[in-house]
Amino acid sequence: MPNIIEITDFLAPELDPYARLTEHQLLNRDEPEKGLFIAESPKVIERALNSGCIPVSLLLERRHITGEAKYIIERCGDIPVYTADFALLTKLTGFKLTRGALCLMHRPHLLSAESVCAGAHRIVILENVMNPTNIGAIFRSAAALNMDAVLLTAGCSDPLYRRAIRVSMGCVFQIPWTFLEKEEACWPEPVITSLKTAGFKTAALALNDDSVSIDHPDLISEEKLAIILGTEGDGLAASTIANCDYTVKIPMAHGVDSLNVAAASAVAFWQLGKH
């Protein structure tokens, strides 16, 4: 039987993760094994459960208990299901819940880069992409357009931030990913060298004079390719570009010099995912 708990006390500590803890507090860098995240909407929660994430509690609009979230509740066993009407939940959380459902979950253990890339033919590397909205959009495109894995440098935003999860529509749970080692010496040269040893060619998206077009036949024919995208505004570091096999550009019209990193990722994945 579901453990339904009507919200009567806004200050109940069980509600802190939903109402008062920041993303950084949920992440818990000092004790990562105790880290948590929040998935929003029944569809996204279902994708998180399908990937093996373990739920801690649910916060639901009352009408969804026997509606859209019924199947989710059944899958989550006897965890607490906190509930109230929509207006009360909005007041508690400070924002309108997407589809009236939130789920607090344990963070999964990070995989090694080697295991994430094992068997992959197209991988994405994100260098210091800091906007959670862009992270979420890139993951959604990566999952939809034939990318096999995503690696993130330590300067990237966390794919399990609530906004990143929501924008990705839960695709952060559908494609393997991990953070690269935090030591500066790890990126870019040692990582790129390791990828080359594993048979990958590397393609940096940048606007250098020696860039090749994204539809260059040599790119399309590469059996294993790592597509590298840089931070908003500044793009990729010069040292990263220098270590790559290709520097790649997306041809532009009407004097536009570049696309937002999320838009550029979708174009790149569509063109280079045809392997």
C-alpha atoms as a PDB file:
ATOM      1  CA  MET A   1       0.000   0.000   0.000  1.00  0.00           C
ATOM      2  CA  PRO A   2       1.309   3.495  -0.788  1.00  0.00           C
ATOM      3  CA  ASN A   3       2.389   5.588   2.183  1.00  0.00           C
ATOM      4  CA  ILE A   4       0.292   8.721   1.478  1.00  0.00           C
ATOM      5  CA  ILE A   5       1.099  11.676   3.789  1.00  0.00           C
ATOM      6  CA  GLU A   6      -1.003  14.845   3.656  1.00  0.00           C
ATOM      7  CA  ILE A   7       1.121  17.977   4.050  1.00  0.00           C
ATOM      8  CA  THR A   8       0.116  19.908   7.143  1.00  0.00           C
ATOM      9  CA  ASP A   9       3.463  21.332   8.296  1.00  0.00           C
ATOM     10  CA  PHE A  10       5.436  23.367   5.760  1.00  0.00           C
ATOM     11  CA  LEU A  11       8.506  23.193   8.013  1.00  0.00           C
ATOM     12  CA  ALA A  12       8.633  19.409   8.270  1.00  0.00           C
ATOM     13  CA  PRO A  13      12.304  18.401   7.686  1.00  0.00           C
ATOM     14  CA  GLU A  14      11.202  15.669   5.276  1.00  0.00           C
ATOM     15  CA  LEU A  15      10.168  18.439   2.885  1.00  0.00           C
ATOM     16  CA  ASP A  16      13.508  20.290   3.049  1.00  0.00           C
ATOM     17  CA  PRO A  17      14.875  18.759  -0.190  1.00  0.00           C
ATOM     18  CA  TYR A  18      11.839  20.014  -2.106  1.00  0.00           C
ATOM     19  CA  ALA A  19      11.469  23.419  -0.484  1.00  0.00           C
ATOM     20  CA  ARG A  20      14.659  24.603   1.185  1.00  0.00           C
ATOM     21  CA  LEU A  21      17.813  22.776   0.082  1.00  0.00           C
ATOM     22  CA  THR A  22      19.826  24.185  -2.823  1.00  0.00           C
ATOM     23  CA  GLU A  23      21.105  22.127  -5.747  1.00  0.00           C
ATOM     24  CA  HIS A  24      24.595  22.232  -4.214  1.00  0.00           C
ATOM     25  CA  GLN A  25      23.296  20.973  -0.875  1.00  0.00           C
ATOM     26  CA  LEU A  26      21.518  18.098  -2.598  1.00  0.00           C
ATOM     27  CA  LEU A  27      24.679  17.285  -4.543  1.00  0.00           C
ATOM     28  CA  ASN A  28      26.644  16.997  -1.258  1.00  0.00           C
ATOM     29  CA  ARG A  29      30.183  17.184  -2.664  1.00  0.00           C
ATOM     30  CA  ASP A  30      31.706  16.381   0.748  1.00  0.00           C
ATOM     31  CA  GLU A  31      29.830  13.081   0.957  1.00  0.00           C
ATOM     32  CA  PRO A  32      28.873  12.204  -2.625  1.00  0.00           C
ATOM     33  CA  GLU A  33      27.551   8.802  -1.585  1.00  0.00           C
ATOM     34  CA  LYS A  34      24.763  10.698   0.210  1.00  0.00           C
ATOM     35  CA  GLY A  35      23.985  12.917  -2.782  1.00  0.00           C
ATOM     36  CA  LEU A  36      20.392  13.401  -3.946  1.00  0.00           C
ATOM     37  CA  PHE A  37      18.585  14.888  -6.927  1.00  0.00           C
ATOM     38  CA  ILE A  38      15.000  15.723  -7.857  1.00  0.00           C
ATOM     39  CA  ALA A  39      13.219  14.469 -10.972  1.00  0.00           C
ATOM     40  CA  GLU A  40      10.125  16.344 -12.127  1.00  0.00           C
ATOM     41  CA  SER A  41       7.033  15.065 -13.997  1.00  0.00           C
ATOM     42  CA  PRO A  42       5.765  11.469 -14.244  1.00  0.00           C
ATOM     43  CA  LYS A  43       7.515  10.796 -17.578  1.00  0.00           C
ATOM     44  CA  VAL A  44      10.905  11.972 -16.321  1.00  0.00           C
ATOM     45  CA  ILE A  45      10.520  10.096 -13.027  1.00  0.00           C
ATOM     46  CA  GLU A  46       9.693   6.944 -14.974  1.00  0.00           C
ATOM     47  CA  ARG A  47      12.835   7.321 -17.085  1.00  0.00           C
ATOM     48  CA  ALA A  48      14.909   7.751 -13.938  1.00  0.00           C
ATOM     49  CA  LEU A  49      13.397   4.605 -12.440  1.00  0.00           C
ATOM     50  CA  ASN A  50      14.010   2.718 -15.677  1.00  0.00           C
ATOM     51  CA  SER A  51      17.705   3.637 -15.465  1.00  0.00           C
ATOM     52  CA  GLY A  52      17.947   2.146 -11.971  1.00  0.00           C
ATOM     53  CA  CYS A  53      17.762   5.303  -9.850  1.00  0.00           C
ATOM     54  CA  ILE A  54      16.444   4.659  -6.330  1.00  0.00           C
ATOM     55  CA  PRO A  55      13.576   6.857  -5.058  1.00  0.00           C
ATOM     56  CA  VAL A  56      13.495   8.369  -1.549  1.00  0.00           C
ATOM     57  CA  SER A  57      10.117  10.120  -1.541  1.00  0.00           C
ATOM     58  CA  LEU A  58       7.479  11.633  -3.816  1.00  0.00           C
ATOM     59  CA  LEU A  59       5.767  15.023  -3.730  1.00  0.00           C
ATOM     60  CA  LEU A  60       2.528  14.924  -5.726  1.00  0.00           C
ATOM     61  CA  GLU A  61      -0.468  17.024  -6.519  1.00  0.00           C
ATOM     62  CA  ARG A  62      -3.341  15.173  -4.861  1.00  0.00           C
ATOM     63  CA  ARG A  63      -5.288  14.490  -8.053  1.00  0.00           C
ATOM     64  CA  HIS A  64      -2.323  12.649  -9.589  1.00  0.00           C
ATOM     65  CA  ILE A  65      -2.289   9.959  -6.908  1.00  0.00           C
ATOM     66  CA  THR A  66      -5.009   8.100  -8.768  1.00  0.00           C
ATOM     67  CA  GLY A  67      -4.158   9.706 -12.110  1.00  0.00           C
ATOM     68  CA  GLU A  68      -0.899  10.267 -14.006  1.00  0.00           C
ATOM     69  CA  ALA A  69       1.346   9.252 -11.100  1.00  0.00           C
ATOM     70  CA  LYS A  70      -0.508   6.075 -10.099  1.00  0.00           C
ATOM     71  CA  TYR A  71       1.911   3.789 -11.923  1.00  0.00           C
ATOM     72  CA  ILE A  72       4.905   5.682 -10.506  1.00  0.00           C
ATOM     73  CA  ILE A  73       3.613   5.219  -6.950  1.00  0.00           C
ATOM     74  CA  GLU A  74       3.179   1.498  -7.554  1.00  0.00           C
ATOM     75  CA  ARG A  75       6.764   1.211  -8.806  1.00  0.00           C
ATOM     76  CA  CYS A  76       8.211   3.113  -5.843  1.00  0.00           C
ATOM     77  CA  GLY A  77       6.949   0.735  -3.152  1.00  0.00           C
ATOM     78  CA  ASP A  78       6.334   2.054   0.356  1.00  0.00           C
ATOM     79  CA  ILE A  79       8.338   5.303   0.228  1.00  0.00           C
ATOM     80  CA  PRO A  80       6.596   8.425   1.621  1.00  0.00           C
ATOM     81  CA  VAL A  81       4.233  10.128  -0.837  1.00  0.00           C
ATOM     82  CA  TYR A  82       3.675  13.719   0.307  1.00  0.00           C
ATOM     83  CA  THR A  83       0.614  15.356  -1.164  1.00  0.00           C
ATOM     84  CA  ALA A  84      -1.535  18.484  -1.225  1.00  0.00           C
ATOM     85  CA  ASP A  85      -3.487  20.481  -3.780  1.00  0.00           C
ATOM     86  CA  PHE A  86      -1.707  22.379  -6.561  1.00  0.00           C
ATOM     87  CA  ALA A  87      -1.815  25.820  -4.928  1.00  0.00           C
ATOM     88  CA  LEU A  88      -0.295  24.532  -1.689  1.00  0.00           C
ATOM     89  CA  LEU A  89       2.493  22.688  -3.504  1.00  0.00           C
ATOM     90  CA  THR A  90       3.293  25.801  -5.532  1.00  0.00           C
ATOM     91  CA  LYS A  91       3.513  27.816  -2.326  1.00  0.00           C
ATOM     92  CA  LEU A  92       5.751  25.170  -0.719  1.00  0.00           C
ATOM     93  CA  THR A  93       8.203  24.759  -3.589  1.00  0.00           C
ATOM     94  CA  GLY A  94       8.124  28.304  -4.898  1.00  0.00           C
ATOM     95  CA  PHE A  95       7.327  27.279  -8.479  1.00  0.00           C
ATOM     96  CA  LYS A  96       4.631  25.484 -10.439  1.00  0.00           C
ATOM     97  CA  LEU A  97       5.363  21.769 -10.645  1.00  0.00           C
ATOM     98  CA  THR A  98       5.554  20.261 -14.130  1.00  0.00           C
ATOM     99  CA  ARG A  99       2.689  17.753 -14.289  1.00  0.00           C
ATOM    100  CA  GLY A 100       2.314  18.038 -10.499  1.00  0.00           C
ATOM    101  CA  ALA A 101       5.007  15.537  -9.525  1.00  0.00           C
ATOM    102  CA  LEU A 102       8.478  15.576  -7.961  1.00  0.00           C
ATOM    103  CA  CYS A 103      10.583  12.618  -6.871  1.00  0.00           C
ATOM    104  CA  LEU A 104      13.603  12.794  -4.563  1.00  0.00           C
ATOM    105  CA  MET A 105      16.178  10.171  -5.570  1.00  0.00           C
ATOM    106  CA  HIS A 106      19.624   8.929  -4.601  1.00  0.00           C
ATOM    107  CA  ARG A 107      22.329  10.039  -7.015  1.00  0.00           C
ATOM    108  CA  PRO A 108      23.750   7.111  -8.984  1.00  0.00           C
ATOM    109  CA  HIS A 109      27.465   6.393  -8.662  1.00  0.00           C
ATOM    110  CA  LEU A 110      29.526   7.965 -11.426  1.00  0.00           C
ATOM    111  CA  LEU A 111      30.935   5.525 -13.950  1.00  0.00           C
ATOM    112  CA  SER A 112      34.492   5.644 -15.248  1.00  0.00           C
ATOM    113  CA  ALA A 113      35.120   7.305 -18.598  1.00  0.00           C
ATOM    114  CA  GLU A 114      36.402   3.971 -19.908  1.00  0.00           C
ATOM    115  CA  SER A 115      33.176   2.140 -19.067  1.00  0.00           C
ATOM    116  CA  VAL A 116      31.006   4.937 -20.467  1.00  0.00           C
ATOM    117  CA  CYS A 117      32.884   4.840 -23.775  1.00  0.00           C
ATOM    118  CA  ALA A 118      33.138   1.053 -24.041  1.00  0.00           C
ATOM    119  CA  GLY A 119      31.482  -0.062 -27.267  1.00  0.00           C
ATOM    120  CA  ALA A 120      30.678   3.521 -28.304  1.00  0.00           C
ATOM    121  CA  HIS A 121      31.190   4.874 -31.831  1.00  0.00           C
ATOM    122  CA  ARG A 122      30.024   8.459 -31.330  1.00  0.00           C
ATOM    123  CA  ILE A 123      30.707  10.286 -28.073  1.00  0.00           C
ATOM    124  CA  VAL A 124      30.251  13.881 -26.953  1.00  0.00           C
ATOM    125  CA  ILE A 125      32.696  15.817 -24.792  1.00  0.00           C
ATOM    126  CA  LEU A 126      31.505  19.049 -23.159  1.00  0.00           C
ATOM    127  CA  GLU A 127      34.169  21.513 -22.047  1.00  0.00           C
ATOM    128  CA  ASN A 128      32.991  23.890 -19.291  1.00  0.00           C
ATOM    129  CA  VAL A 129      29.386  24.182 -20.515  1.00  0.00           C
ATOM    130  CA  MET A 130      27.947  25.914 -17.466  1.00  0.00           C
ATOM    131  CA  ASN A 131      24.277  26.580 -18.235  1.00  0.00           C
ATOM    132  CA  PRO A 132      21.931  23.784 -17.009  1.00  0.00           C
ATOM    133  CA  THR A 133      19.459  24.593 -19.789  1.00  0.00           C
ATOM    134  CA  ASN A 134      22.152  24.025 -22.412  1.00  0.00           C
ATOM    135  CA  ILE A 135      23.264  20.819 -20.690  1.00  0.00           C
ATOM    136  CA  GLY A 136      19.712  19.484 -20.747  1.00  0.00           C
ATOM    137  CA  ALA A 137      19.163  20.435 -24.392  1.00  0.00           C
ATOM    138  CA  ILE A 138      22.471  18.848 -25.445  1.00  0.00           C
ATOM    139  CA  PHE A 139      21.598  15.590 -23.677  1.00  0.00           C
ATOM    140  CA  ARG A 140      18.202  15.493 -25.357  1.00  0.00           C
ATOM    141  CA  SER A 141      19.794  15.947 -28.779  1.00  0.00           C
ATOM    142  CA  ALA A 142      22.551  13.439 -27.985  1.00  0.00           C
ATOM    143  CA  ALA A 143      20.047  10.753 -27.030  1.00  0.00           C
ATOM    144  CA  ALA A 144      17.812  11.460 -30.020  1.00  0.00           C
ATOM    145  CA  LEU A 145      20.524  11.760 -32.680  1.00  0.00           C
ATOM    146  CA  ASN A 146      22.660   8.645 -32.271  1.00  0.00           C
ATOM    147  CA  MET A 147      25.299   9.734 -29.747  1.00  0.00           C
ATOM    148  CA  ASP A 148      26.426   6.847 -27.547  1.00  0.00           C
ATOM    149  CA  ALA A 149      27.891   8.630 -24.509  1.00  0.00           C
ATOM    150  CA  VAL A 150      28.683  12.032 -22.981  1.00  0.00           C
ATOM    151  CA  LEU A 151      31.803  13.089 -21.061  1.00  0.00           C
ATOM    152  CA  LEU A 152      31.867  16.364 -19.123  1.00  0.00           C
ATOM    153  CA  THR A 153      34.831  18.350 -17.814  1.00  0.00           C
ATOM    154  CA  ALA A 154      34.738  19.376 -14.164  1.00  0.00           C
ATOM    155  CA  GLY A 155      33.687  22.929 -15.105  1.00  0.00           C
ATOM    156  CA  CYS A 156      30.363  21.790 -16.592  1.00  0.00           C
ATOM    157  CA  SER A 157      27.001  22.144 -14.910  1.00  0.00           C
ATOM    158  CA  ASP A 158      25.627  18.950 -13.358  1.00  0.00           C
ATOM    159  CA  PRO A 159      23.287  16.963 -15.648  1.00  0.00           C
ATOM    160  CA  LEU A 160      21.263  16.023 -12.546  1.00  0.00           C
ATOM    161  CA  TYR A 161      20.379  19.595 -11.642  1.00  0.00           C
ATOM    162  CA  ARG A 162      16.598  19.869 -11.706  1.00  0.00           C
ATOM    163  CA  ARG A 163      16.475  22.251 -14.669  1.00  0.00           C
ATOM    164  CA  ALA A 164      18.913  20.169 -16.727  1.00  0.00           C
ATOM    165  CA  ILE A 165      16.852  17.033 -16.101  1.00  0.00           C
ATOM    166  CA  ARG A 166      13.615  18.831 -16.973  1.00  0.00           C
ATOM    167  CA  VAL A 167      14.949  20.391 -20.201  1.00  0.00           C
ATOM    168  CA  SER A 168      16.393  17.032 -21.272  1.00  0.00           C
ATOM    169  CA  MET A 169      12.970  15.410 -20.731  1.00  0.00           C
ATOM    170  CA  GLY A 170      14.772  12.728 -18.743  1.00  0.00           C
ATOM    171  CA  CYS A 171      17.268  11.929 -21.505  1.00  0.00           C
ATOM    172  CA  VAL A 172      20.069  12.329 -18.944  1.00  0.00           C
ATOM    173  CA  PHE A 173      18.891   8.881 -17.781  1.00  0.00           C
ATOM    174  CA  GLN A 174      18.914   7.372 -21.267  1.00  0.00           C
ATOM    175  CA  ILE A 175      22.499   7.933 -22.380  1.00  0.00           C
ATOM    176  CA  PRO A 176      25.660   6.978 -20.417  1.00  0.00           C
ATOM    177  CA  TRP A 177      27.660   9.916 -19.065  1.00  0.00           C
ATOM    178  CA  THR A 178      30.257  10.835 -16.501  1.00  0.00           C
ATOM    179  CA  PHE A 179      32.515  13.654 -15.356  1.00  0.00           C
ATOM    180  CA  LEU A 180      36.176  13.533 -16.267  1.00  0.00           C
ATOM    181  CA  GLU A 181      38.732  13.594 -13.455  1.00  0.00           C
ATOM    182  CA  LYS A 182      38.877  16.924 -11.640  1.00  0.00           C
ATOM    183  CA  GLU A 183      42.645  17.369 -11.929  1.00  0.00           C
ATOM    184  CA  GLU A 184      43.479  20.026 -14.521  1.00  0.00           C
ATOM    185  CA  ALA A 185      46.207  17.791 -15.940  1.00  0.00           C
ATOM    186  CA  CYS A 186      43.542  15.308 -17.057  1.00  0.00           C
ATOM    187  CA  TRP A 187      42.108  17.582 -19.746  1.00  0.00           C
ATOM    188  CA  PRO A 188      42.611  17.936 -22.594  1.00  0.00           C
ATOM    189  CA  GLU A 189      45.804  16.113 -23.610  1.00  0.00           C
ATOM    190  CA  PRO A 190      45.672  12.908 -21.476  1.00  0.00           C
ATOM    191  CA  VAL A 191      41.971  12.320 -22.203  1.00  0.00           C
ATOM    192  CA  ILE A 192      42.335  12.934 -25.937  1.00  0.00           C
ATOM    193  CA  THR A 193      45.422  10.706 -26.041  1.00  0.00           C
ATOM    194  CA  SER A 194      43.456   7.948 -24.298  1.00  0.00           C
ATOM    195  CA  LEU A 195      40.604   8.318 -26.794  1.00  0.00           C
ATOM    196  CA  LYS A 196      43.010   8.077 -29.722  1.00  0.00           C
ATOM    197  CA  THR A 197      44.488   4.922 -28.213  1.00  0.00           C
ATOM    198  CA  ALA A 198      40.926   3.528 -28.113  1.00  0.00           C
ATOM    199  CA  GLY A 199      40.532   4.255 -31.822  1.00  0.00           C
ATOM    200  CA  PHE A 200      38.638   7.576 -31.674  1.00  0.00           C
ATOM    201  CA  LYS A 201      39.293  10.566 -33.887  1.00  0.00           C
ATOM    202  CA  THR A 202      38.487  13.888 -32.237  1.00  0.00           C
ATOM    203  CA  ALA A 203      36.531  16.764 -33.780  1.00  0.00           C
ATOM    204  CA  ALA A 204      36.536  20.196 -32.116  1.00  0.00           C
ATOM    205  CA  LEU A 205      33.678  22.513 -33.080  1.00  0.00           C
ATOM    206  CA  ALA A 206      35.355  25.907 -33.560  1.00  0.00           C
ATOM    207  CA  LEU A 207      35.557  28.791 -36.026  1.00  0.00           C
ATOM    208  CA  ASN A 208      39.276  28.623 -36.797  1.00  0.00           C
ATOM    209  CA  ASP A 209      40.521  29.503 -40.288  1.00  0.00           C
ATOM    210  CA  ASP A 210      41.625  25.909 -40.851  1.00  0.00           C
ATOM    211  CA  SER A 211      38.226  24.421 -39.933  1.00  0.00           C
ATOM    212  CA  VAL A 212      36.609  21.887 -42.247  1.00  0.00           C
ATOM    213  CA  SER A 213      32.892  21.913 -42.952  1.00  0.00           C
ATOM    214  CA  ILE A 214      30.743  19.641 -40.844  1.00  0.00           C
ATOM    215  CA  ASP A 215      29.679  17.733 -43.959  1.00  0.00           C
ATOM    216  CA  HIS A 216      33.273  16.852 -44.915  1.00  0.00           C
ATOM    217  CA  PRO A 217      33.290  13.227 -46.141  1.00  0.00           C
ATOM    218  CA  ASP A 218      36.301  12.266 -44.003  1.00  0.00           C
ATOM    219  CA  LEU A 219      34.346  13.132 -40.866  1.00  0.00           C
ATOM    220  CA  ILE A 220      31.315  11.122 -41.875  1.00  0.00           C
ATOM    221  CA  SER A 221      33.427   8.084 -42.677  1.00  0.00           C
ATOM    222  CA  GLU A 222      35.210   7.933 -39.299  1.00  0.00           C
ATOM    223  CA  GLU A 223      34.261   4.741 -37.505  1.00  0.00           C
ATOM    224  CA  LYS A 224      34.739   6.235 -34.031  1.00  0.00           C
ATOM    225  CA  LEU A 225      34.432   9.961 -33.445  1.00  0.00           C
ATOM    226  CA  ALA A 226      34.469  12.212 -30.358  1.00  0.00           C
ATOM    227  CA  ILE A 227      32.645  15.511 -30.909  1.00  0.00           C
ATOM    228  CA  ILE A 228      33.917  18.258 -28.593  1.00  0.00           C
ATOM    229  CA  LEU A 229      31.849  21.347 -27.732  1.00  0.00           C
ATOM    230  CA  GLY A 230      33.000  24.341 -25.703  1.00  0.00           C
ATOM    231  CA  THR A 231      31.684  26.772 -23.162  1.00  0.00           C
ATOM    232  CA  GLU A 232      29.087  29.406 -23.958  1.00  0.00           C
ATOM    233  CA  GLY A 233      30.676  32.553 -25.366  1.00  0.00           C
ATOM    234  CA  ASP A 234      34.379  31.680 -25.469  1.00  0.00           C
ATOM    235  CA  GLY A 235      34.077  28.259 -27.075  1.00  0.00           C
ATOM    236  CA  LEU A 236      36.852  25.684 -26.810  1.00  0.00           C
ATOM    237  CA  ALA A 237      40.262  26.388 -25.318  1.00  0.00           C
ATOM    238  CA  ALA A 238      43.119  26.741 -27.810  1.00  0.00           C
ATOM    239  CA  SER A 239      44.918  23.795 -26.212  1.00  0.00           C
ATOM    240  CA  THR A 240      41.874  21.588 -26.781  1.00  0.00           C
ATOM    241  CA  ILE A 241      41.628  22.536 -30.450  1.00  0.00           C
ATOM    242  CA  ALA A 242      45.363  21.961 -30.931  1.00  0.00           C
ATOM    243  CA  ASN A 243      45.066  18.388 -29.618  1.00  0.00           C
ATOM    244  CA  CYS A 244      42.178  17.396 -31.928  1.00  0.00           C
ATOM    245  CA  ASP A 245      42.335  15.627 -35.288  1.00  0.00           C
ATOM    246  CA  TYR A 246      39.731  17.907 -36.865  1.00  0.00           C
ATOM    247  CA  THR A 247      38.551  21.452 -36.309  1.00  0.00           C
ATOM    248  CA  VAL A 248      34.969  21.619 -37.572  1.00  0.00           C
ATOM    249  CA  LYS A 249      32.604  24.460 -38.376  1.00  0.00           C
ATOM    250  CA  ILE A 250      28.927  24.671 -39.260  1.00  0.00           C
ATOM    251  CA  PRO A 251      28.506  26.870 -42.382  1.00  0.00           C
ATOM    252  CA  MET A 252      26.519  30.023 -41.587  1.00  0.00           C
ATOM    253  CA  ALA A 253      24.387  32.413 -43.660  1.00  0.00           C
ATOM    254  CA  HIS A 254      23.290  36.071 -43.350  1.00  0.00           C
ATOM    255  CA  GLY A 255      26.474  37.083 -41.543  1.00  0.00           C
ATOM    256  CA  VAL A 256      25.716  34.995 -38.452  1.00  0.00           C
ATOM    257  CA  ASP A 257      29.012  33.889 -36.920  1.00  0.00           C
ATOM    258  CA  SER A 258      27.885  31.021 -34.680  1.00  0.00           C
ATOM    259  CA  LEU A 259      25.017  29.169 -32.981  1.00  0.00           C
ATOM    260  CA  ASN A 260      24.234  28.692 -29.321  1.00  0.00           C
ATOM    261  CA  VAL A 261      26.086  25.596 -28.081  1.00  0.00           C
ATOM    262  CA  ALA A 262      22.845  23.627 -27.658  1.00  0.00           C
ATOM    263  CA  ALA A 263      21.681  24.453 -31.198  1.00  0.00           C
ATOM    264  CA  ALA A 264      25.138  23.695 -32.594  1.00  0.00           C
ATOM    265  CA  SER A 265      25.126  20.336 -30.832  1.00  0.00           C
ATOM    266  CA  ALA A 266      21.867  19.302 -32.511  1.00  0.00           C
ATOM    267  CA  VAL A 267      23.226  20.174 -35.972  1.00  0.00           C
ATOM    268  CA  ALA A 268      26.508  18.366 -35.271  1.00  0.00           C
ATOM    269  CA  PHE A 269      24.865  15.239 -33.873  1.00  0.00           C
ATOM    270  CA  TRP A 270      22.437  15.038 -36.790  1.00  0.00           C
ATOM    271  CA  GLN A 271      25.217  15.302 -39.370  1.00  0.00           C
ATOM    272  CA  LEU A 272      27.914  13.267 -37.608  1.00  0.00           C
ATOM    273  CA  GLY A 273      25.667  10.640 -36.069  1.00  0.00           C
ATOM    274  CA  LYS A 274      25.060   9.034 -39.469  1.00  0.00           C
ATOM    275  CA  HIS A 275      27.583   6.251 -38.993  1.00  0.00           C
END
